C-alpha atoms as a PDB file:
ATOM      1  CA  MET A   1      36.352 -11.104  69.937  1.00  0.00           C
ATOM      2  CA  THR A   2      34.364  -8.568  67.995  1.00  0.00           C
ATOM      3  CA  ASP A   3      31.375  -7.097  69.723  1.00  0.00           C
ATOM      4  CA  PRO A   4      28.419  -7.441  67.308  1.00  0.00           C
ATOM      5  CA  ASN A   5      26.849  -4.445  68.954  1.00  0.00           C
ATOM      6  CA  ASN A   6      29.759  -2.258  67.838  1.00  0.00           C
ATOM      7  CA  MET A   7      30.019  -3.491  64.189  1.00  0.00           C
ATOM      8  CA  SER A   8      28.142  -0.483  62.899  1.00  0.00           C
ATOM      9  CA  HIS A   9      31.088   1.685  63.937  1.00  0.00           C
ATOM     10  CA  HIS A  10      33.421  -0.176  61.575  1.00  0.00           C
ATOM     11  CA  LEU A  11      31.226  -0.910  58.472  1.00  0.00           C
ATOM     12  CA  ARG A  12      31.283   1.498  55.502  1.00  0.00           C
ATOM     13  CA  PHE A  13      27.924   1.942  53.696  1.00  0.00           C
ATOM     14  CA  PRO A  14      28.046   3.037  49.992  1.00  0.00           C
ATOM     15  CA  THR A  15      27.213   6.662  49.399  1.00  0.00           C
ATOM     16  CA  LEU A  16      24.017   7.454  47.470  1.00  0.00           C
ATOM     17  CA  THR A  17      25.579  10.477  45.816  1.00  0.00           C
ATOM     18  CA  GLY A  18      26.603   8.645  42.638  1.00  0.00           C
ATOM     19  CA  ILE A  19      23.224   6.946  42.267  1.00  0.00           C
ATOM     20  CA  THR A  20      21.397  10.232  42.762  1.00  0.00           C
ATOM     21  CA  THR A  21      23.595  11.951  40.198  1.00  0.00           C
ATOM     22  CA  ALA A  22      22.922   9.207  37.609  1.00  0.00           C
ATOM     23  CA  ILE A  23      19.168   9.500  38.126  1.00  0.00           C
ATOM     24  CA  VAL A  24      19.298  13.288  37.739  1.00  0.00           C
ATOM     25  CA  LEU A  25      21.352  13.000  34.548  1.00  0.00           C
ATOM     26  CA  ALA A  26      18.917  10.432  33.101  1.00  0.00           C
ATOM     27  CA  LEU A  27      15.995  12.729  33.804  1.00  0.00           C
ATOM     28  CA  THR A  28      17.665  15.803  32.338  1.00  0.00           C
ATOM     29  CA  LEU A  29      19.060  14.210  29.152  1.00  0.00           C
ATOM     30  CA  PRO A  30      16.787  14.534  26.096  1.00  0.00           C
ATOM     31  CA  ALA A  31      14.880  11.369  25.141  1.00  0.00           C
ATOM     32  CA  LYS A  32      16.405   9.413  22.291  1.00  0.00           C
ATOM     33  CA  ALA A  33      14.570  10.147  19.049  1.00  0.00           C
ATOM     34  CA  LEU A  34      12.669   7.346  17.377  1.00  0.00           C
ATOM     35  CA  GLU A  35      14.525   5.702  14.506  1.00  0.00           C
ATOM     36  CA  VAL A  36      12.281   6.336  11.503  1.00  0.00           C
ATOM     37  CA  GLU A  37      13.231   5.723   7.866  1.00  0.00           C
ATOM     38  CA  ILE A  38      11.176   7.073   4.947  1.00  0.00           C
ATOM     39  CA  LEU A  39      11.322   5.385   1.516  1.00  0.00           C
ATOM     40  CA  PRO A  40      11.544   6.609  -1.161  1.00  0.00           C
ATOM     41  CA  LYS A  41      13.519   9.542   0.171  1.00  0.00           C
ATOM     42  CA  THR A  42      11.972  11.934  -2.372  1.00  0.00           C
ATOM     43  CA  PRO A  43       8.455  10.562  -3.025  1.00  0.00           C
ATOM     44  CA  GLN A  44       6.243  11.913  -5.782  1.00  0.00           C
ATOM     45  CA  GLN A  45       2.526  11.713  -6.517  1.00  0.00           C
ATOM     46  CA  GLY A  46       1.484   8.077  -6.982  1.00  0.00           C
ATOM     47  CA  ASP A  47       4.289   6.595  -4.902  1.00  0.00           C
ATOM     48  CA  THR A  48       3.789   4.206  -2.007  1.00  0.00           C
ATOM     49  CA  ILE A  49       5.638   5.706   0.971  1.00  0.00           C
ATOM     50  CA  SER A  50       7.160   3.200   3.404  1.00  0.00           C
ATOM     51  CA  VAL A  51       7.549   4.358   7.000  1.00  0.00           C
ATOM     52  CA  ILE A  52      10.003   2.012   8.732  1.00  0.00           C
ATOM     53  CA  VAL A  53      10.285   2.268  12.518  1.00  0.00           C
ATOM     54  CA  ASP A  54      12.925   0.625  14.733  1.00  0.00           C
ATOM     55  CA  LEU A  55      11.890   0.327  18.396  1.00  0.00           C
ATOM     56  CA  GLN A  56      13.707  -0.783  21.521  1.00  0.00           C
ATOM     57  CA  ASP A  57      10.531  -2.464  22.796  1.00  0.00           C
ATOM     58  CA  LYS A  58       9.605  -4.824  19.955  1.00  0.00           C
ATOM     59  CA  THR A  59       6.483  -6.097  21.714  1.00  0.00           C
ATOM     60  CA  ILE A  60       4.350  -2.977  21.243  1.00  0.00           C
ATOM     61  CA  PRO A  61       3.885  -1.731  17.653  1.00  0.00           C
ATOM     62  CA  PRO A  62       4.165   1.995  16.962  1.00  0.00           C
ATOM     63  CA  GLN A  63       1.372   4.235  15.734  1.00  0.00           C
ATOM     64  CA  VAL A  64       1.851   5.922  12.366  1.00  0.00           C
ATOM     65  CA  THR A  65      -0.336   8.874  11.382  1.00  0.00           C
ATOM     66  CA  ALA A  66      -0.101  10.948   8.201  1.00  0.00           C
ATOM     67  CA  ASN A  67      -2.224  14.073   7.796  1.00  0.00           C
ATOM     68  CA  GLU A  68      -4.327  12.869  10.752  1.00  0.00           C
ATOM     69  CA  ILE A  69      -5.039   9.465   9.156  1.00  0.00           C
ATOM     70  CA  ASP A  70      -3.908   6.349  11.056  1.00  0.00           C
ATOM     71  CA  TYR A  71      -2.318   3.616   8.949  1.00  0.00           C
ATOM     72  CA  PRO A  72      -1.946  -0.094   9.752  1.00  0.00           C
ATOM     73  CA  VAL A  73       1.481  -1.126  11.013  1.00  0.00           C
ATOM     74  CA  PHE A  74       3.092  -4.550  10.557  1.00  0.00           C
ATOM     75  CA  SER A  75       6.250  -6.239  11.825  1.00  0.00           C
ATOM     76  CA  THR A  76       8.816  -6.928   9.111  1.00  0.00           C
ATOM     77  CA  ASN A  77      12.517  -7.833   9.235  1.00  0.00           C
ATOM     78  CA  GLY A  78      12.779  -7.033  12.946  1.00  0.00           C
ATOM     79  CA  LYS A  79      11.259  -3.575  12.523  1.00  0.00           C
ATOM     80  CA  TYR A  80       7.798  -2.128  11.949  1.00  0.00           C
ATOM     81  CA  ARG A  81       6.458  -0.765   8.658  1.00  0.00           C
ATOM     82  CA  ALA A  82       3.445   1.240   7.528  1.00  0.00           C
ATOM     83  CA  PHE A  83       2.453   2.125   3.964  1.00  0.00           C
ATOM     84  CA  ILE A  84       1.200   5.614   3.129  1.00  0.00           C
ATOM     85  CA  PRO A  85      -0.355   5.634  -0.355  1.00  0.00           C
ATOM     86  CA  THR A  86      -0.323   8.750  -2.543  1.00  0.00           C
ATOM     87  CA  SER A  87      -2.098   9.567  -5.813  1.00  0.00           C
ATOM     88  CA  PRO A  88      -2.266  12.277  -8.509  1.00  0.00           C
ATOM     89  CA  LEU A  89      -5.097  13.836  -6.481  1.00  0.00           C
ATOM     90  CA  ASN A  90      -2.783  14.530  -3.525  1.00  0.00           C
ATOM     91  CA  VAL A  91      -1.636  18.142  -3.331  1.00  0.00           C
ATOM     92  CA  PRO A  92       2.181  18.299  -3.599  1.00  0.00           C
ATOM     93  CA  GLY A  93       3.909  19.589  -0.487  1.00  0.00           C
ATOM     94  CA  LYS A  94       4.261  18.610   3.140  1.00  0.00           C
ATOM     95  CA  ILE A  95       2.699  15.464   4.575  1.00  0.00           C
ATOM     96  CA  ALA A  96       2.521  15.812   8.358  1.00  0.00           C
ATOM     97  CA  LEU A  97       3.814  12.518   9.769  1.00  0.00           C
ATOM     98  CA  ARG A  98       3.563  11.491  13.419  1.00  0.00           C
ATOM     99  CA  VAL A  99       5.154   8.311  14.777  1.00  0.00           C
ATOM    100  CA  THR A 100       4.582   7.183  18.374  1.00  0.00           C
ATOM    101  CA  GLY A 101       6.447   4.326  20.042  1.00  0.00           C
ATOM    102  CA  ASP A 102       8.689   3.517  23.027  1.00  0.00           C
ATOM    103  CA  ASN A 103       6.658   6.136  24.953  1.00  0.00           C
ATOM    104  CA  ARG A 104       7.951   8.831  22.612  1.00  0.00           C
ATOM    105  CA  THR A 105       6.494  10.768  19.686  1.00  0.00           C
ATOM    106  CA  SER A 106       8.288  12.089  16.618  1.00  0.00           C
ATOM    107  CA  ASN A 107       6.675  14.699  14.375  1.00  0.00           C
ATOM    108  CA  MET A 108       8.189  15.226  10.959  1.00  0.00           C
ATOM    109  CA  GLY A 109       7.361  16.402   7.472  1.00  0.00           C
ATOM    110  CA  VAL A 110       7.519  14.272   4.328  1.00  0.00           C
ATOM    111  CA  TRP A 111       7.644  16.347   1.152  1.00  0.00           C
ATOM    112  CA  LEU A 112       5.595  14.982  -1.744  1.00  0.00           C
ATOM    113  CA  LYS A 113       6.881  16.118  -5.136  1.00  0.00           C
ATOM    114  CA  ASN A 114       4.684  17.051  -8.082  1.00  0.00           C
ATOM    115  CA  LYS A 115       4.529  14.709 -11.081  1.00  0.00           C
ATOM    116  CA  ALA A 116       3.134  15.599 -14.498  1.00  0.00           C
ATOM    117  CA  PHE A 117       0.426  13.276 -15.822  1.00  0.00           C
ATOM    118  CA  PRO A 118      -0.862  13.345 -19.417  1.00  0.00           C
ATOM    119  CA  VAL A 119      -4.469  14.117 -20.363  1.00  0.00           C
ATOM    120  CA  GLN A 120      -6.530  11.931 -22.712  1.00  0.00           C
ATOM    121  CA  ARG A 121      -9.921  12.252 -24.375  1.00  0.00           C
ATOM    122  CA  ILE A 122     -12.013   9.102 -24.568  1.00  0.00           C
ATOM    123  CA  TRP A 123     -15.481   8.413 -26.003  1.00  0.00           C
ATOM    124  CA  LEU A 124     -17.718   5.696 -24.631  1.00  0.00           C
ATOM    125  CA  SER A 125     -20.951   4.476 -26.215  1.00  0.00           C
ATOM    126  CA  GLY A 126     -23.239   1.462 -26.150  1.00  0.00           C
ATOM    127  CA  ASN A 127     -22.464  -1.135 -23.479  1.00  0.00           C
ATOM    128  CA  ALA A 128     -19.179   0.593 -22.649  1.00  0.00           C
ATOM    129  CA  SER A 129     -21.089   3.634 -21.369  1.00  0.00           C
ATOM    130  CA  ARG A 130     -23.366   1.759 -18.960  1.00  0.00           C
ATOM    131  CA  PRO A 131     -23.202   2.994 -15.341  1.00  0.00           C
ATOM    132  CA  ALA A 132     -21.800   0.765 -12.642  1.00  0.00           C
ATOM    133  CA  THR A 133     -24.273  -1.436 -10.789  1.00  0.00           C
ATOM    134  CA  GLN A 134     -24.559  -1.326  -7.012  1.00  0.00           C
ATOM    135  CA  LEU A 135     -23.497  -4.961  -6.935  1.00  0.00           C
ATOM    136  CA  GLU A 136     -20.114  -4.323  -8.523  1.00  0.00           C
ATOM    137  CA  LEU A 137     -19.541  -1.128  -6.542  1.00  0.00           C
ATOM    138  CA  ASN A 138     -20.166  -2.968  -3.270  1.00  0.00           C
ATOM    139  CA  ARG A 139     -18.067  -6.019  -4.152  1.00  0.00           C
ATOM    140  CA  VAL A 140     -15.102  -3.988  -5.391  1.00  0.00           C
ATOM    141  CA  ARG A 141     -15.234  -1.598  -2.416  1.00  0.00           C
ATOM    142  CA  GLU A 142     -15.273  -4.506   0.050  1.00  0.00           C
ATOM    143  CA  PHE A 143     -12.326  -6.067  -1.738  1.00  0.00           C
ATOM    144  CA  LYS A 144     -10.253  -2.863  -1.638  1.00  0.00           C
ATOM    145  CA  GLU A 145     -10.914  -2.526   2.108  1.00  0.00           C
ATOM    146  CA  LEU A 146      -9.132  -5.812   2.894  1.00  0.00           C
ATOM    147  CA  VAL A 147      -6.240  -5.585   5.357  1.00  0.00           C
ATOM    148  CA  THR A 148      -5.116  -9.184   5.820  1.00  0.00           C
ATOM    149  CA  PRO A 149      -2.448  -9.530   8.555  1.00  0.00           C
ATOM    150  CA  GLN A 150      -0.361 -11.990   6.497  1.00  0.00           C
ATOM    151  CA  LYS A 151       2.131 -10.766   3.907  1.00  0.00           C
ATOM    152  CA  PHE A 152       1.922 -13.007   0.840  1.00  0.00           C
ATOM    153  CA  TRP A 153       4.130 -11.197  -1.689  1.00  0.00           C
ATOM    154  CA  GLN A 154       7.914 -11.545  -1.777  1.00  0.00           C
ATOM    155  CA  GLY A 155      10.242  -9.168  -3.601  1.00  0.00           C
ATOM    156  CA  ALA A 156       9.481  -7.185  -6.741  1.00  0.00           C
ATOM    157  CA  PHE A 157       6.221  -7.756  -8.620  1.00  0.00           C
ATOM    158  CA  VAL A 158       6.333  -9.318 -12.103  1.00  0.00           C
ATOM    159  CA  ARG A 159       4.691  -8.037 -15.276  1.00  0.00           C
ATOM    160  CA  PRO A 160       1.124  -9.413 -15.520  1.00  0.00           C
ATOM    161  CA  ASN A 161       1.146  -9.442 -19.335  1.00  0.00           C
ATOM    162  CA  ALA A 162       3.890  -9.376 -21.960  1.00  0.00           C
ATOM    163  CA  SER A 163       2.148  -6.867 -24.262  1.00  0.00           C
ATOM    164  CA  ARG A 164       3.117  -3.198 -24.560  1.00  0.00           C
ATOM    165  CA  VAL A 165       1.730  -0.625 -22.124  1.00  0.00           C
ATOM    166  CA  SER A 166      -0.975   1.398 -23.880  1.00  0.00           C
ATOM    167  CA  THR A 167      -2.015   3.646 -20.986  1.00  0.00           C
ATOM    168  CA  GLY A 168       0.100   4.453 -17.955  1.00  0.00           C
ATOM    169  CA  PHE A 169      -0.862   5.184 -14.392  1.00  0.00           C
ATOM    170  CA  GLY A 170      -2.255   8.557 -13.359  1.00  0.00           C
ATOM    171  CA  LEU A 171      -3.479   9.794 -16.711  1.00  0.00           C
ATOM    172  CA  ARG A 172      -6.309  12.366 -16.470  1.00  0.00           C
ATOM    173  CA  ARG A 173      -9.296  12.094 -18.814  1.00  0.00           C
ATOM    174  CA  TYR A 174     -12.127  13.811 -20.613  1.00  0.00           C
ATOM    175  CA  TYR A 175     -15.048  11.389 -20.934  1.00  0.00           C
ATOM    176  CA  ASN A 176     -17.277  12.272 -23.874  1.00  0.00           C
ATOM    177  CA  ASN A 177     -15.777  15.803 -23.810  1.00  0.00           C
ATOM    178  CA  VAL A 178     -16.345  16.318 -20.043  1.00  0.00           C
ATOM    179  CA  PHE A 179     -13.266  16.554 -17.791  1.00  0.00           C
ATOM    180  CA  ALA A 180     -13.381  14.142 -14.840  1.00  0.00           C
ATOM    181  CA  ASN A 181     -12.140  16.302 -11.957  1.00  0.00           C
ATOM    182  CA  ASP A 182     -11.777  13.589  -9.327  1.00  0.00           C
ATOM    183  CA  TYR A 183     -10.585  10.918 -11.754  1.00  0.00           C
ATOM    184  CA  TYR A 184      -7.175   9.531 -12.635  1.00  0.00           C
ATOM    185  CA  HIS A 185      -6.297   6.305 -14.442  1.00  0.00           C
ATOM    186  CA  LYS A 186      -5.990   3.936 -11.509  1.00  0.00           C
ATOM    187  CA  GLY A 187      -3.619   1.427 -13.030  1.00  0.00           C
ATOM    188  CA  VAL A 188      -1.652   0.345 -16.083  1.00  0.00           C
ATOM    189  CA  ASP A 189      -3.199  -0.908 -19.343  1.00  0.00           C
ATOM    190  CA  TYR A 190      -1.576  -3.621 -21.474  1.00  0.00           C
ATOM    191  CA  ALA A 191      -2.652  -3.728 -25.128  1.00  0.00           C
ATOM    192  CA  GLY A 192      -2.701  -7.481 -25.638  1.00  0.00           C
ATOM    193  CA  GLY A 193      -4.966  -9.295 -28.058  1.00  0.00           C
ATOM    194  CA  TYR A 194      -7.963 -11.433 -27.166  1.00  0.00           C
ATOM    195  CA  GLY A 195      -6.850 -14.506 -25.242  1.00  0.00           C
ATOM    196  CA  SER A 196      -3.422 -13.150 -24.275  1.00  0.00           C
ATOM    197  CA  PRO A 197      -2.491 -14.698 -20.896  1.00  0.00           C
ATOM    198  CA  VAL A 198      -2.722 -12.692 -17.678  1.00  0.00           C
ATOM    199  CA  VAL A 199      -0.582 -13.819 -14.740  1.00  0.00           C
ATOM    200  CA  ALA A 200      -0.449 -12.861 -11.066  1.00  0.00           C
ATOM    201  CA  PRO A 201       2.223 -10.199 -10.462  1.00  0.00           C
ATOM    202  CA  ALA A 202       2.777 -11.504  -6.924  1.00  0.00           C
ATOM    203  CA  ALA A 203       1.588 -14.207  -4.574  1.00  0.00           C
ATOM    204  CA  GLY A 204      -1.737 -13.844  -2.810  1.00  0.00           C
ATOM    205  CA  MET A 205      -5.246 -15.148  -2.385  1.00  0.00           C
ATOM    206  CA  ILE A 206      -8.040 -14.749  -4.942  1.00  0.00           C
ATOM    207  CA  ARG A 207     -10.654 -12.757  -3.030  1.00  0.00           C
ATOM    208  CA  LEU A 208     -12.781 -11.378  -5.878  1.00  0.00           C
ATOM    209  CA  VAL A 209     -14.167 -12.961  -9.042  1.00  0.00           C
ATOM    210  CA  GLY A 210     -16.877 -11.081 -10.909  1.00  0.00           C
ATOM    211  CA  LYS A 211     -18.430 -11.385 -14.351  1.00  0.00           C
ATOM    212  CA  GLU A 212     -20.026  -8.925 -16.708  1.00  0.00           C
ATOM    213  CA  SER A 213     -23.008 -11.252 -17.004  1.00  0.00           C
ATOM    214  CA  GLU A 214     -23.535 -10.948 -13.236  1.00  0.00           C
ATOM    215  CA  GLY A 215     -23.700  -7.154 -13.283  1.00  0.00           C
ATOM    216  CA  PHE A 216     -20.077  -5.994 -13.482  1.00  0.00           C
ATOM    217  CA  HIS A 217     -20.936  -3.525 -16.262  1.00  0.00           C
ATOM    218  CA  VAL A 218     -17.913  -1.214 -15.778  1.00  0.00           C
ATOM    219  CA  HIS A 219     -15.214  -3.580 -14.509  1.00  0.00           C
ATOM    220  CA  GLY A 220     -16.221  -6.400 -16.823  1.00  0.00           C
ATOM    221  CA  ASN A 221     -14.870  -9.826 -15.998  1.00  0.00           C
ATOM    222  CA  ILE A 222     -12.639  -9.106 -13.015  1.00  0.00           C
ATOM    223  CA  VAL A 223     -10.217 -10.898 -10.695  1.00  0.00           C
ATOM    224  CA  GLY A 224      -8.936  -9.465  -7.404  1.00  0.00           C
ATOM    225  CA  ILE A 225      -5.836 -10.757  -5.611  1.00  0.00           C
ATOM    226  CA  ASP A 226      -5.191 -10.016  -1.937  1.00  0.00           C
ATOM    227  CA  HIS A 227      -1.414  -9.742  -1.488  1.00  0.00           C
ATOM    228  CA  GLY A 228      -1.823  -9.084   2.238  1.00  0.00           C
ATOM    229  CA  GLN A 229      -1.394  -6.164   4.650  1.00  0.00           C
ATOM    230  CA  GLY A 230      -3.641  -3.784   2.704  1.00  0.00           C
ATOM    231  CA  VAL A 231      -2.073  -4.439  -0.727  1.00  0.00           C
ATOM    232  CA  VAL A 232      -4.468  -5.750  -3.426  1.00  0.00           C
ATOM    233  CA  SER A 233      -4.503  -6.052  -7.226  1.00  0.00           C
ATOM    234  CA  VAL A 234      -7.458  -5.900  -9.619  1.00  0.00           C
ATOM    235  CA  PHE A 235      -7.491  -7.199 -13.199  1.00  0.00           C
ATOM    236  CA  MET A 236     -10.307  -5.873 -15.349  1.00  0.00           C
ATOM    237  CA  HIS A 237     -11.944  -6.424 -18.769  1.00  0.00           C
ATOM    238  CA  LEU A 238     -10.877 -10.080 -18.893  1.00  0.00           C
ATOM    239  CA  GLN A 239     -12.159 -12.557 -21.447  1.00  0.00           C
ATOM    240  CA  ASP A 240     -11.540 -15.779 -19.505  1.00  0.00           C
ATOM    241  CA  ILE A 241     -11.162 -16.297 -15.773  1.00  0.00           C
ATOM    242  CA  ASN A 242      -9.063 -19.287 -14.712  1.00  0.00           C
ATOM    243  CA  VAL A 243      -9.278 -19.018 -10.918  1.00  0.00           C
ATOM    244  CA  THR A 244     -11.883 -19.220  -8.164  1.00  0.00           C
ATOM    245  CA  GLU A 245     -12.297 -17.259  -4.947  1.00  0.00           C
ATOM    246  CA  GLY A 246     -10.273 -18.637  -2.033  1.00  0.00           C
ATOM    247  CA  LYS A 247      -7.456 -20.026  -4.183  1.00  0.00           C
ATOM    248  CA  MET A 248      -3.863 -19.251  -3.173  1.00  0.00           C
ATOM    249  CA  ILE A 249      -1.791 -18.204  -6.148  1.00  0.00           C
ATOM    250  CA  LYS A 250       1.904 -17.743  -6.874  1.00  0.00           C
ATOM    251  CA  ALA A 251       3.660 -14.973  -8.779  1.00  0.00           C
ATOM    252  CA  GLY A 252       3.559 -15.745 -12.508  1.00  0.00           C
ATOM    253  CA  GLU A 253       0.611 -18.135 -12.263  1.00  0.00           C
ATOM    254  CA  LYS A 254      -2.089 -17.671 -14.929  1.00  0.00           C
ATOM    255  CA  ILE A 255      -5.329 -16.130 -13.688  1.00  0.00           C
ATOM    256  CA  GLY A 256      -7.136 -15.380 -16.975  1.00  0.00           C
ATOM    257  CA  THR A 257      -6.897 -13.887 -20.461  1.00  0.00           C
ATOM    258  CA  ILE A 258      -7.241 -10.431 -21.987  1.00  0.00           C
ATOM    259  CA  GLY A 259     -10.659  -9.400 -23.263  1.00  0.00           C
ATOM    260  CA  SER A 260     -12.806  -6.306 -23.751  1.00  0.00           C
ATOM    261  CA  THR A 261     -15.622  -6.773 -21.250  1.00  0.00           C
ATOM    262  CA  GLY A 262     -17.181  -3.926 -19.290  1.00  0.00           C
ATOM    263  CA  ALA A 263     -16.346  -0.259 -20.024  1.00  0.00           C
ATOM    264  CA  SER A 264     -13.745  -1.040 -22.661  1.00  0.00           C
ATOM    265  CA  THR A 265     -13.165   0.245 -26.196  1.00  0.00           C
ATOM    266  CA  GLY A 266     -10.987  -2.702 -27.249  1.00  0.00           C
ATOM    267  CA  PRO A 267      -9.056  -5.705 -25.935  1.00  0.00           C
ATOM    268  CA  HIS A 268      -6.662  -4.808 -23.124  1.00  0.00           C
ATOM    269  CA  LEU A 269      -5.775  -5.629 -19.537  1.00  0.00           C
ATOM    270  CA  HIS A 270      -6.231  -3.050 -16.796  1.00  0.00           C
ATOM    271  CA  TRP A 271      -4.079  -3.797 -13.745  1.00  0.00           C
ATOM    272  CA  GLY A 272      -4.774  -1.667 -10.704  1.00  0.00           C
ATOM    273  CA  LEU A 273      -2.720  -1.843  -7.511  1.00  0.00           C
ATOM    274  CA  TYR A 274      -4.316  -0.532  -4.318  1.00  0.00           C
ATOM    275  CA  VAL A 275      -2.572   0.168  -1.020  1.00  0.00           C
ATOM    276  CA  ASN A 276      -4.827   0.952   1.941  1.00  0.00           C
ATOM    277  CA  GLN A 277      -7.715   1.594  -0.489  1.00  0.00           C
ATOM    278  CA  VAL A 278      -5.807   4.080  -2.692  1.00  0.00           C
ATOM    279  CA  ALA A 279      -4.769   3.258  -6.270  1.00  0.00           C
ATOM    280  CA  VAL A 280      -0.991   3.726  -6.447  1.00  0.00           C
ATOM    281  CA  ASP A 281       1.512   3.528  -9.283  1.00  0.00           C
ATOM    282  CA  PRO A 282       2.354  -0.183  -9.796  1.00  0.00           C
ATOM    283  CA  VAL A 283       5.620   0.593 -11.626  1.00  0.00           C
ATOM    284  CA  PRO A 284       7.798   1.111  -8.494  1.00  0.00           C
ATOM    285  CA  TRP A 285       6.528  -2.225  -7.186  1.00  0.00           C
ATOM    286  CA  ARG A 286       7.778  -3.929 -10.355  1.00  0.00           C
ATOM    287  CA  PHE A 287      11.223  -2.364 -10.505  1.00  0.00           C
ATOM    288  CA  GLY A 288      12.117  -2.647  -6.829  1.00  0.00           C
ATOM    289  CA  ALA A 289      11.074  -4.760  -3.868  1.00  0.00           C
ATOM    290  CA  ILE A 290       8.749  -2.891  -1.506  1.00  0.00           C
ATOM    291  CA  GLU A 291       8.646  -5.004   1.616  1.00  0.00           C
END
C-alpha cells in the first residue's frame, strides 16, 4: 500500500523553464504593426483619403490623426475607416498620419501630390454680387458640420444632372478682377437649362432647405443631403425644390430643378460634396465606390 506521506517523492512536477522562456520571448519580440491601408495609394489635392484599419480587438475603435487633427472613425466591413479630406489649398507633400489601436501606435507619412487647377475670371453685378447673409452662413455651416453615425450611401455616386459640366472642381478665380486667395471652386457645375431635373447622387436625409427669398442671397435656392458619417452634398442655385427637411431620399430621386438663383450668372447646378467640413472633388466618388 502506498504511503500518502511519501507520494511527493515519486511525483514529477512540470518545469517552469519552458513557460519562463516563452514569456521572455513574448516580451522581447517587437509588437506587431497595425494593419493600415491608405486609399488612394497616390492621393492628390482634392482627393478623399480613406484610412482603413484592421484591429485584433474589434470592440475598441482606433484613433486616426492627420497633421494633428483627429478624424471620426467608423466600423465598416469588419474593419475601421476614417476619411481625411484634402483640397487645392492643401500644400503638397507629407501628411503626418498617426493611428492608435490595439495598445499600439503607428506613425507614417502620406504623400499628397500636386494637381494643376485652372484659373477663371468672373464678373458679378446686381443681385449676384450681394454679400451672404448671416442666416445662410449659419445654416450652411451647421449643415456641413453634421457627422451622422449612420452610413446612408451605397457604392458609387450617380450624376446629379445629365447636362455637360461647365466648371470643374478646384478652379481658382478672380472676382471682379481681384484674385481670391483662399478660394477654390468647391464643387462641379452642370450647365443645364431652366427646369432641368436635379437628382440625389446618393441616398441620404434632406437636412437643409433654403430659399433665396428667405435670405440665401449667395447660395440661392439650396438643398443639402446628409449621406452620413461626415459626408454631405449641397445643391445650389435651384429653381424648384421638390423635397422637405427630414425626408429620406434614394440615389437618383428628384430633389429639384436647375435655376439661376443667388450668386449666379446663368442657369446651372452647383453640386458640392463635403467630407468632414472640407469641399472635396466629387468626381472620384462618382467613378468608384468610396465606402
